[in-house]
C-alpha cells in the first residue's frame, strides 16, 4: 500500500508560520500532481494548494498570498509553507498524490491549530 508521510503540524499563534512536508515513494511522486487539503471540524475537506508535475500551482482564495506550495523532485517531497496563519486555518491537513494513472493517494493527516 502506497504511503504518504506528512510532518510539520502543530500549535502556533495567530500571525505565526508553519511548514508542512510530505514524502512520497518515487514511483508515485514522479507521475503525480501533488496537493494539500484540509478539513476543519464539521466541514468538508477542501483543497488548499496544488502543484502539478510541471510545477504549476493553484491556491484556495483564502490562502493566496500567505501559503506557498513547492515540490522537490530529487527528494520526492512536497512542502506547504504557511505564513500569517489565522485561527480559521485550524484543521487537519492532508497530503494528496494524484497520479497520471491509478488511484489517488492520501496521507494520514497532520493537525494544525492556530490559537493564542
N, C-alpha and C. Protein backbone atom coordinates (compact mmCIF):
# COMPACT_ATOMS: atom_id res chain seq x y z
N UNK A 1 0.85 -1.19 0.00
CA UNK A 1 0.00 0.00 0.00
C UNK A 1 0.89 1.24 0.00
N UNK A 2 0.56 2.16 -0.90
CA UNK A 2 1.35 3.38 -1.02
C UNK A 2 1.10 4.26 0.20
N UNK A 3 2.19 4.82 0.74
CA UNK A 3 2.07 5.69 1.89
C UNK A 3 2.67 7.05 1.61
N UNK A 4 1.94 8.08 2.05
CA UNK A 4 2.46 9.43 2.06
C UNK A 4 2.72 9.77 3.52
N UNK A 5 3.90 10.27 3.82
CA UNK A 5 4.27 10.56 5.20
C UNK A 5 4.35 12.07 5.39
N UNK A 6 3.46 12.59 6.24
CA UNK A 6 3.37 14.02 6.49
C UNK A 6 4.07 14.37 7.80
N UNK A 7 4.56 15.60 7.86
CA UNK A 7 5.16 16.09 9.09
C UNK A 7 5.04 17.61 9.14
N UNK A 8 5.17 18.16 10.35
CA UNK A 8 5.26 19.61 10.48
C UNK A 8 4.07 20.31 11.10
N UNK A 9 3.02 19.60 11.41
CA UNK A 9 1.88 20.26 12.04
C UNK A 9 2.18 20.65 13.47
N UNK A 10 1.23 21.34 14.09
CA UNK A 10 1.41 21.73 15.49
C UNK A 10 0.55 22.91 15.87
N UNK A 11 0.90 23.50 17.00
CA UNK A 11 0.18 24.65 17.54
C UNK A 11 1.00 25.91 17.30
N UNK A 12 0.35 26.94 16.79
CA UNK A 12 1.02 28.20 16.52
C UNK A 12 0.08 29.35 16.83
N UNK A 13 0.65 30.47 17.20
CA UNK A 13 -0.17 31.64 17.48
C UNK A 13 -0.59 32.33 16.18
N UNK A 14 -1.70 33.05 16.23
CA UNK A 14 -2.10 33.83 15.03
C UNK A 14 -0.96 34.72 14.55
N UNK A 15 -0.78 34.74 13.24
CA UNK A 15 0.32 35.51 12.66
C UNK A 15 1.60 34.72 12.50
N UNK A 16 1.64 33.54 13.07
CA UNK A 16 2.83 32.72 13.01
C UNK A 16 2.92 31.91 11.73
N UNK A 17 3.95 31.06 11.67
CA UNK A 17 4.21 30.26 10.48
C UNK A 17 4.41 28.79 10.84
N UNK A 18 4.07 27.94 9.90
CA UNK A 18 4.36 26.51 9.99
C UNK A 18 4.73 26.02 8.60
N UNK A 19 5.48 24.93 8.60
CA UNK A 19 5.90 24.33 7.33
C UNK A 19 5.52 22.86 7.38
N UNK A 20 4.67 22.44 6.44
CA UNK A 20 4.28 21.04 6.33
C UNK A 20 5.06 20.38 5.22
N UNK A 21 5.47 19.14 5.45
CA UNK A 21 6.16 18.37 4.43
C UNK A 21 5.48 17.03 4.22
N UNK A 22 5.60 16.52 3.02
CA UNK A 22 5.01 15.22 2.68
C UNK A 22 6.00 14.48 1.79
N UNK A 23 6.35 13.28 2.21
CA UNK A 23 7.26 12.44 1.44
C UNK A 23 6.47 11.31 0.79
N UNK A 24 6.77 11.05 -0.46
CA UNK A 24 6.09 10.01 -1.22
C UNK A 24 7.10 9.08 -1.87
N UNK A 25 6.68 7.85 -2.13
CA UNK A 25 7.55 6.96 -2.91
C UNK A 25 7.80 7.56 -4.29
N UNK A 26 9.01 7.38 -4.78
CA UNK A 26 9.38 7.97 -6.06
C UNK A 26 8.46 7.51 -7.19
N UNK A 27 8.05 6.26 -7.13
CA UNK A 27 7.21 5.70 -8.20
C UNK A 27 5.88 6.44 -8.32
N UNK A 28 5.40 6.95 -7.20
CA UNK A 28 4.16 7.72 -7.22
C UNK A 28 4.44 9.20 -7.46
N UNK A 29 5.41 9.74 -6.74
CA UNK A 29 5.67 11.17 -6.81
C UNK A 29 5.96 11.63 -8.22
N UNK A 30 6.74 10.87 -8.95
CA UNK A 30 7.19 11.31 -10.27
C UNK A 30 6.06 11.39 -11.29
N UNK A 31 4.95 10.74 -11.04
CA UNK A 31 3.85 10.75 -12.00
C UNK A 31 2.64 11.50 -11.48
N UNK A 32 2.80 12.19 -10.33
CA UNK A 32 1.64 12.78 -9.66
C UNK A 32 1.65 14.29 -9.60
N UNK A 33 0.46 14.86 -9.75
CA UNK A 33 0.24 16.20 -9.24
C UNK A 33 0.07 16.05 -7.73
N UNK A 34 0.61 16.97 -6.98
CA UNK A 34 0.58 16.87 -5.51
C UNK A 34 -0.24 18.01 -4.92
N UNK A 35 -0.93 17.71 -3.86
CA UNK A 35 -1.76 18.75 -3.26
C UNK A 35 -1.85 18.64 -1.75
N UNK A 36 -2.27 19.74 -1.15
CA UNK A 36 -2.61 19.77 0.27
C UNK A 36 -4.08 20.14 0.40
N UNK A 37 -4.78 19.38 1.19
CA UNK A 37 -6.17 19.63 1.52
C UNK A 37 -6.28 19.81 3.03
N UNK A 38 -7.41 20.35 3.44
CA UNK A 38 -7.63 20.45 4.88
C UNK A 38 -9.10 20.22 5.20
N UNK A 39 -9.32 19.79 6.43
CA UNK A 39 -10.67 19.55 6.90
C UNK A 39 -10.81 20.03 8.33
N UNK A 40 -11.65 21.01 8.50
CA UNK A 40 -11.94 21.54 9.83
C UNK A 40 -13.14 20.79 10.42
N UNK A 41 -13.29 20.78 11.72
CA UNK A 41 -14.41 20.07 12.34
C UNK A 41 -15.75 20.54 11.78
N UNK A 42 -16.57 19.59 11.38
CA UNK A 42 -17.90 19.92 10.88
C UNK A 42 -17.94 20.44 9.46
N UNK A 43 -16.77 20.46 8.79
CA UNK A 43 -16.72 20.99 7.43
C UNK A 43 -16.20 19.93 6.46
N UNK A 44 -16.44 20.17 5.20
CA UNK A 44 -15.94 19.25 4.17
C UNK A 44 -14.45 19.49 3.91
N UNK A 45 -13.81 18.46 3.45
CA UNK A 45 -12.41 18.59 3.06
C UNK A 45 -12.32 19.52 1.85
N UNK A 46 -11.34 20.43 1.89
CA UNK A 46 -11.20 21.39 0.81
C UNK A 46 -9.76 21.46 0.33
N UNK A 47 -9.62 21.82 -0.93
CA UNK A 47 -8.29 22.00 -1.50
C UNK A 47 -7.67 23.27 -0.94
N UNK A 48 -6.41 23.17 -0.51
CA UNK A 48 -5.66 24.33 -0.06
C UNK A 48 -4.72 24.81 -1.16
N UNK A 49 -3.94 23.88 -1.69
CA UNK A 49 -2.97 24.23 -2.72
C UNK A 49 -2.60 22.98 -3.50
N UNK A 50 -2.22 23.20 -4.74
CA UNK A 50 -1.90 22.08 -5.62
C UNK A 50 -0.75 22.48 -6.51
N UNK A 51 0.12 21.50 -6.80
CA UNK A 51 1.24 21.75 -7.71
C UNK A 51 1.31 20.59 -8.69
N UNK A 52 1.39 20.92 -9.97
CA UNK A 52 1.40 19.89 -10.99
C UNK A 52 2.79 19.28 -11.13
N UNK A 53 2.89 18.23 -11.93
CA UNK A 53 4.19 17.62 -12.20
C UNK A 53 5.14 18.65 -12.81
N UNK A 54 4.58 19.57 -13.57
CA UNK A 54 5.40 20.57 -14.23
C UNK A 54 5.70 21.78 -13.38
N UNK A 55 5.11 21.85 -12.18
CA UNK A 55 5.40 22.96 -11.27
C UNK A 55 4.38 24.08 -11.25
N UNK A 56 3.30 23.96 -12.00
CA UNK A 56 2.26 24.98 -11.94
C UNK A 56 1.49 24.83 -10.64
N UNK A 57 1.09 25.97 -10.08
CA UNK A 57 0.43 25.95 -8.78
C UNK A 57 -0.94 26.63 -8.83
N UNK A 58 -1.81 26.22 -7.92
CA UNK A 58 -3.04 26.95 -7.70
C UNK A 58 -3.39 26.85 -6.22
N UNK A 59 -4.10 27.86 -5.74
CA UNK A 59 -4.38 28.01 -4.32
C UNK A 59 -5.85 28.34 -4.08
N UNK A 60 -6.34 27.95 -2.92
CA UNK A 60 -7.63 28.43 -2.49
C UNK A 60 -7.54 29.93 -2.27
N UNK A 61 -8.61 30.63 -2.56
CA UNK A 61 -8.61 32.09 -2.39
C UNK A 61 -8.26 32.49 -0.96
N UNK A 62 -8.66 31.68 -0.01
CA UNK A 62 -8.47 32.02 1.40
C UNK A 62 -7.01 32.00 1.84
N UNK A 63 -6.14 31.37 1.05
CA UNK A 63 -4.74 31.25 1.45
C UNK A 63 -3.79 31.95 0.49
N UNK A 64 -4.30 32.50 -0.59
CA UNK A 64 -3.44 33.17 -1.57
C UNK A 64 -2.66 34.29 -0.90
N UNK A 65 -1.38 34.34 -1.20
CA UNK A 65 -0.51 35.36 -0.63
C UNK A 65 0.04 35.01 0.73
N UNK A 66 -0.46 33.93 1.33
CA UNK A 66 0.02 33.53 2.66
C UNK A 66 0.71 32.16 2.62
N UNK A 67 0.20 31.27 1.78
CA UNK A 67 0.73 29.91 1.70
C UNK A 67 1.49 29.73 0.38
N UNK A 68 2.51 28.89 0.42
CA UNK A 68 3.27 28.57 -0.78
C UNK A 68 3.52 27.06 -0.83
N UNK A 69 3.15 26.47 -1.95
CA UNK A 69 3.40 25.06 -2.16
C UNK A 69 4.60 24.90 -3.09
N UNK A 70 5.42 23.90 -2.80
CA UNK A 70 6.58 23.64 -3.65
C UNK A 70 6.86 22.14 -3.64
N UNK A 71 7.58 21.70 -4.64
CA UNK A 71 7.94 20.29 -4.69
C UNK A 71 9.43 20.14 -5.00
N UNK A 72 10.03 19.13 -4.41
CA UNK A 72 11.43 18.80 -4.64
C UNK A 72 11.45 17.45 -5.33
N UNK A 73 11.67 17.46 -6.63
CA UNK A 73 11.61 16.22 -7.39
C UNK A 73 12.79 15.30 -7.12
N UNK A 74 13.85 15.83 -6.57
CA UNK A 74 15.01 14.99 -6.22
C UNK A 74 14.77 14.25 -4.91
N UNK A 75 14.00 14.88 -4.01
CA UNK A 75 13.74 14.27 -2.70
C UNK A 75 12.35 13.66 -2.60
N UNK A 76 11.56 13.81 -3.67
CA UNK A 76 10.19 13.25 -3.68
C UNK A 76 9.35 13.80 -2.53
N UNK A 77 9.45 15.08 -2.33
CA UNK A 77 8.69 15.72 -1.26
C UNK A 77 7.92 16.94 -1.78
N UNK A 78 6.84 17.22 -1.12
CA UNK A 78 6.06 18.43 -1.38
C UNK A 78 5.91 19.16 -0.05
N UNK A 79 6.05 20.47 -0.10
CA UNK A 79 6.06 21.29 1.10
C UNK A 79 5.01 22.38 1.00
N UNK A 80 4.39 22.66 2.13
CA UNK A 80 3.45 23.78 2.21
C UNK A 80 3.97 24.74 3.27
N UNK A 81 4.43 25.89 2.84
CA UNK A 81 4.86 26.94 3.76
C UNK A 81 3.66 27.81 4.07
N UNK A 82 3.33 27.91 5.35
CA UNK A 82 2.14 28.65 5.76
C UNK A 82 2.57 29.81 6.63
N UNK A 83 2.30 31.02 6.16
CA UNK A 83 2.65 32.24 6.89
C UNK A 83 1.37 33.01 7.25
N UNK A 84 1.52 33.92 8.16
CA UNK A 84 0.40 34.77 8.59
C UNK A 84 -0.83 33.92 8.92
N UNK A 85 -0.62 32.91 9.70
CA UNK A 85 -1.70 31.97 10.00
C UNK A 85 -2.80 32.62 10.81
N UNK A 86 -4.02 32.17 10.53
CA UNK A 86 -5.21 32.69 11.17
C UNK A 86 -5.92 31.55 11.91
N UNK A 87 -6.74 31.88 12.90
CA UNK A 87 -7.48 30.82 13.59
C UNK A 87 -8.32 29.97 12.63
N UNK A 88 -8.83 30.57 11.57
CA UNK A 88 -9.64 29.82 10.62
C UNK A 88 -8.84 28.86 9.76
N UNK A 89 -7.52 28.88 9.88
CA UNK A 89 -6.68 27.89 9.21
C UNK A 89 -6.59 26.60 10.01
N UNK A 90 -7.13 26.60 11.21
CA UNK A 90 -7.10 25.41 12.05
C UNK A 90 -7.85 24.26 11.37
N UNK A 91 -7.18 23.14 11.22
CA UNK A 91 -7.77 21.99 10.54
C UNK A 91 -6.76 20.84 10.56
N UNK A 92 -7.23 19.69 10.12
CA UNK A 92 -6.31 18.59 9.80
C UNK A 92 -5.93 18.75 8.33
N UNK A 93 -4.64 18.77 8.08
CA UNK A 93 -4.13 18.95 6.73
C UNK A 93 -3.68 17.61 6.16
N UNK A 94 -4.10 17.35 4.94
CA UNK A 94 -3.82 16.07 4.29
C UNK A 94 -3.02 16.30 3.00
N UNK A 95 -2.01 15.49 2.83
CA UNK A 95 -1.26 15.46 1.58
C UNK A 95 -1.97 14.51 0.61
N UNK A 96 -1.95 14.88 -0.66
CA UNK A 96 -2.59 14.06 -1.68
C UNK A 96 -1.68 13.91 -2.90
N UNK A 97 -1.63 12.70 -3.42
CA UNK A 97 -0.95 12.44 -4.68
C UNK A 97 -1.99 12.02 -5.71
N UNK A 98 -2.02 12.74 -6.81
CA UNK A 98 -2.98 12.48 -7.89
C UNK A 98 -2.19 12.00 -9.10
N UNK A 99 -2.05 10.68 -9.24
CA UNK A 99 -1.16 10.17 -10.28
C UNK A 99 -1.79 10.20 -11.66
N UNK A 100 -0.95 10.13 -12.68
CA UNK A 100 -1.41 10.13 -14.06
C UNK A 100 -2.25 8.89 -14.35
N UNK A 101 -1.99 7.80 -13.64
CA UNK A 101 -2.81 6.61 -13.75
C UNK A 101 -2.82 5.93 -12.40
N UNK A 102 -3.92 5.25 -12.11
CA UNK A 102 -4.08 4.66 -10.79
C UNK A 102 -4.88 5.56 -9.88
N UNK A 103 -5.05 5.10 -8.66
CA UNK A 103 -5.90 5.81 -7.70
C UNK A 103 -5.15 6.92 -6.98
N UNK A 104 -5.90 7.93 -6.59
CA UNK A 104 -5.37 9.00 -5.75
C UNK A 104 -4.97 8.42 -4.39
N UNK A 105 -3.93 9.00 -3.80
CA UNK A 105 -3.40 8.51 -2.54
C UNK A 105 -3.40 9.66 -1.52
N UNK A 106 -3.77 9.33 -0.29
CA UNK A 106 -3.85 10.32 0.78
C UNK A 106 -2.88 9.98 1.91
N UNK A 107 -2.40 11.03 2.56
CA UNK A 107 -1.64 10.85 3.78
C UNK A 107 -2.58 10.69 4.96
N UNK A 108 -2.00 10.48 6.13
CA UNK A 108 -2.80 10.22 7.33
C UNK A 108 -3.33 11.50 7.97
N UNK A 109 -2.80 12.63 7.58
CA UNK A 109 -3.25 13.91 8.12
C UNK A 109 -2.37 14.40 9.25
N UNK A 110 -2.23 15.72 9.34
CA UNK A 110 -1.49 16.33 10.42
C UNK A 110 -2.28 17.54 10.93
N UNK A 111 -2.37 17.65 12.24
CA UNK A 111 -3.18 18.70 12.85
C UNK A 111 -2.43 20.03 12.86
N UNK A 112 -3.11 21.06 12.41
CA UNK A 112 -2.61 22.43 12.53
C UNK A 112 -3.62 23.21 13.36
N UNK A 113 -3.15 23.79 14.45
CA UNK A 113 -4.00 24.57 15.33
C UNK A 113 -3.43 25.97 15.48
N UNK A 114 -4.24 26.97 15.16
CA UNK A 114 -3.82 28.36 15.27
C UNK A 114 -4.64 29.00 16.38
N UNK A 115 -3.96 29.30 17.47
CA UNK A 115 -4.67 29.80 18.65
C UNK A 115 -3.70 30.55 19.55
N UNK A 116 -4.25 31.55 20.22
CA UNK A 116 -3.44 32.28 21.19
C UNK A 116 -3.63 31.69 22.58
